[in-house]
Amino acid sequence: MVKSALWNAQRKSPVLGGIVCGVLSLCFKPTADKQQALFWGNRCLIQAYDSSGDGRLKNWSLNITDDSFLRLRKTYYNGRQEYFSFSLRRFNDFSYLGTETSGIIRMYTKADDIIVQTYRDPKGDIDSMAHTLNVPVRNLSSGQLDTLRNTLLFLKSQLQ
């Protein structure tokens, strides 16, 4: 009968086997790094953003920046612009209202931490602060929502 030398070595020294496993585990990252989280979060938000609900919208941009700010800019055909921005350091949580085909993500901050600005508005340019940011989305599964939430919380934890 042939016996493995590895089996005998582990049998004689269970501590050595534990040390080898511990050293090998240090070679792998168990969690995603910040750049991967930024990439995934931006990709998810861009693919899911639903601009079809506002027919007057000319273009938009939605992204999470390298310095962990979430920014949404809307430009309308009449030239009016809306700008929303907040640091993920102030991110509290989000809720989702809707179905897998369409809905709204409501992002909450700790206080009135969301910068809201309008430009070229017929009523005048307005600068204010808000507690909630509504982001219309479509075709977002519950798994993607959970992963997006965890990604935002991960990015927030990197700031602390």
Protein backbone atom coordinates (compact mmCIF):
# COMPACT_ATOMS: atom_id res chain seq x y z
CA MET A 1 0.00 0.00 0.00
CA VAL A 2 1.33 3.42 -1.03
CA LYS A 3 1.08 6.23 1.52
CA SER A 4 1.35 9.94 0.78
CA ALA A 5 4.28 11.77 2.36
CA LEU A 6 2.06 14.85 2.72
CA TRP A 7 -0.47 12.89 4.73
CA ASN A 8 2.22 11.66 7.09
CA ALA A 9 3.67 15.15 7.52
CA GLN A 10 0.26 16.61 8.37
CA ARG A 11 -0.47 13.76 10.75
CA LYS A 12 2.75 14.28 12.60
CA SER A 13 2.38 18.05 12.80
CA PRO A 14 -1.16 19.45 12.64
CA VAL A 15 0.24 22.84 13.63
CA LEU A 16 2.43 22.89 10.50
CA GLY A 17 -0.65 22.26 8.31
CA GLY A 18 -2.45 25.16 9.98
CA ILE A 19 0.50 27.48 9.44
CA VAL A 20 0.71 26.52 5.76
CA CYS A 21 -3.02 27.20 5.29
CA GLY A 22 -2.70 30.53 7.09
CA VAL A 23 0.21 31.68 4.92
CA LEU A 24 -1.62 30.63 1.75
CA SER A 25 -4.73 32.55 2.79
CA LEU A 26 -2.68 35.76 3.01
CA CYS A 27 -1.98 35.48 -0.72
CA PHE A 28 -5.64 36.13 -1.61
CA LYS A 29 -7.85 39.16 -0.98
CA PRO A 30 -11.21 38.15 0.52
CA THR A 31 -12.90 41.44 -0.39
CA ALA A 32 -12.93 43.66 -3.44
CA ASP A 33 -10.68 46.67 -3.42
CA LYS A 34 -11.92 50.24 -3.83
CA GLN A 35 -11.30 50.46 -7.59
CA GLN A 36 -13.33 47.32 -8.24
CA ALA A 37 -16.15 48.64 -6.06
CA LEU A 38 -16.12 51.99 -7.90
CA PHE A 39 -16.17 50.23 -11.27
CA TRP A 40 -19.05 47.94 -10.33
CA GLY A 41 -21.07 50.67 -8.61
CA ASN A 42 -20.74 53.03 -11.58
CA ARG A 43 -21.57 50.31 -14.08
CA CYS A 44 -24.66 49.28 -12.12
CA LEU A 45 -25.94 52.85 -11.72
CA ILE A 46 -25.34 53.80 -15.36
CA GLN A 47 -27.00 50.68 -16.73
CA ALA A 48 -29.98 50.93 -14.39
CA TYR A 49 -30.66 54.69 -14.51
CA ASP A 50 -34.05 55.36 -16.12
CA SER A 51 -34.19 58.67 -17.94
CA SER A 52 -37.31 57.75 -19.92
CA GLY A 53 -39.67 59.05 -17.22
CA ASP A 54 -38.65 62.64 -17.93
CA GLY A 55 -39.23 63.45 -21.61
CA ARG A 56 -37.66 66.90 -21.28
CA LEU A 57 -34.28 65.43 -20.31
CA LYS A 58 -31.55 66.05 -22.90
CA ASN A 59 -28.71 64.21 -21.16
CA TRP A 60 -27.59 63.05 -17.74
CA SER A 61 -24.56 61.73 -15.89
CA LEU A 62 -24.53 59.62 -12.76
CA ASN A 63 -21.33 58.42 -11.17
CA ILE A 64 -19.36 57.69 -8.05
CA THR A 65 -16.08 59.58 -8.15
CA ASP A 66 -12.65 58.38 -7.01
CA ASP A 67 -12.98 60.56 -3.90
CA SER A 68 -16.29 58.76 -3.08
CA PHE A 69 -18.84 61.39 -4.05
CA LEU A 70 -22.06 60.31 -5.71
CA ARG A 71 -23.02 62.85 -8.38
CA LEU A 72 -26.07 63.19 -10.60
CA ARG A 73 -26.33 65.89 -13.25
CA LYS A 74 -29.41 66.38 -15.43
CA THR A 75 -29.57 68.73 -18.41
CA TYR A 76 -32.93 69.58 -19.98
CA TYR A 77 -33.69 70.71 -23.53
CA ASN A 78 -34.50 74.25 -22.33
CA GLY A 79 -30.95 74.55 -20.91
CA ARG A 80 -31.93 74.09 -17.27
CA GLN A 81 -29.55 71.93 -15.24
CA GLU A 82 -29.99 70.10 -11.94
CA TYR A 83 -27.03 68.91 -9.96
CA PHE A 84 -27.06 66.58 -6.91
CA SER A 85 -23.98 65.53 -4.98
CA PHE A 86 -23.06 63.99 -1.64
CA SER A 87 -20.10 62.31 0.00
CA LEU A 88 -20.51 58.62 0.73
CA ARG A 89 -19.09 59.45 4.15
CA ARG A 90 -22.54 60.93 4.88
CA PHE A 91 -24.47 58.04 3.23
CA ASN A 92 -26.85 56.35 5.63
CA ASP A 93 -28.83 53.78 3.62
CA PHE A 94 -31.24 53.44 0.72
CA SER A 95 -34.67 52.00 0.09
CA TYR A 96 -36.25 50.78 -3.10
CA LEU A 97 -39.81 51.42 -4.24
CA GLY A 98 -40.97 49.49 -7.28
CA THR A 99 -40.58 46.21 -9.14
CA GLU A 100 -37.71 44.55 -10.97
CA THR A 101 -38.74 46.33 -14.17
CA SER A 102 -38.87 49.88 -12.81
CA GLY A 103 -38.67 51.75 -9.55
CA ILE A 104 -36.94 54.42 -7.50
CA ILE A 105 -33.90 54.11 -5.26
CA ARG A 106 -34.19 56.57 -2.39
CA MET A 107 -30.75 57.34 -1.01
CA TYR A 108 -30.67 58.77 2.50
CA THR A 109 -27.92 60.73 4.19
CA LYS A 110 -27.41 61.39 7.89
CA ALA A 111 -28.77 64.94 7.68
CA ASP A 112 -29.30 67.51 4.93
CA ASP A 113 -26.02 66.52 3.26
CA ILE A 114 -27.06 66.32 -0.40
CA ILE A 115 -26.10 69.42 -2.38
CA VAL A 116 -28.90 70.44 -4.76
CA GLN A 117 -28.18 73.13 -7.36
CA THR A 118 -30.11 74.39 -10.37
CA TYR A 119 -28.71 76.49 -13.20
CA ARG A 120 -30.51 78.45 -15.92
CA ASP A 121 -33.84 77.88 -14.22
CA PRO A 122 -36.60 80.34 -15.22
CA LYS A 123 -37.42 80.66 -11.51
CA GLY A 124 -33.78 81.51 -10.74
CA ASP A 125 -30.72 79.52 -9.76
CA ILE A 126 -31.24 77.68 -6.51
CA ASP A 127 -28.72 76.21 -4.06
CA SER A 128 -30.12 74.06 -1.29
CA MET A 129 -29.52 70.92 0.74
CA ALA A 130 -31.58 67.73 0.94
CA HIS A 131 -31.80 64.56 3.01
CA THR A 132 -32.99 62.22 0.22
CA LEU A 133 -32.00 61.65 -3.40
CA ASN A 134 -34.44 59.81 -5.68
CA VAL A 135 -32.81 57.87 -8.52
CA PRO A 136 -35.22 56.33 -11.07
CA VAL A 137 -34.04 52.88 -12.21
CA ARG A 138 -35.18 50.02 -14.42
CA ASN A 139 -34.33 46.34 -14.80
CA LEU A 140 -32.63 46.02 -11.43
CA SER A 141 -32.91 42.68 -9.64
CA SER A 142 -33.02 42.30 -5.87
CA GLY A 143 -29.54 40.75 -5.99
CA GLN A 144 -28.17 43.79 -7.81
CA LEU A 145 -29.84 46.10 -5.29
CA ASP A 146 -28.24 44.22 -2.39
CA THR A 147 -24.85 44.31 -4.08
CA LEU A 148 -25.20 48.04 -4.83
CA ARG A 149 -26.08 48.74 -1.21
CA ASN A 150 -23.10 46.68 0.00
CA THR A 151 -20.83 48.44 -2.50
CA LEU A 152 -21.89 51.89 -1.24
CA LEU A 153 -21.40 50.80 2.36
CA PHE A 154 -17.98 49.34 1.48
CA LEU A 155 -16.91 52.60 -0.16
CA LYS A 156 -18.18 54.50 2.88
CA SER A 157 -16.11 52.25 5.18
CA GLN A 158 -12.98 53.06 3.15
CA LEU A 159 -13.38 56.73 4.09
CA GLN A 160 -13.45 56.24 7.84
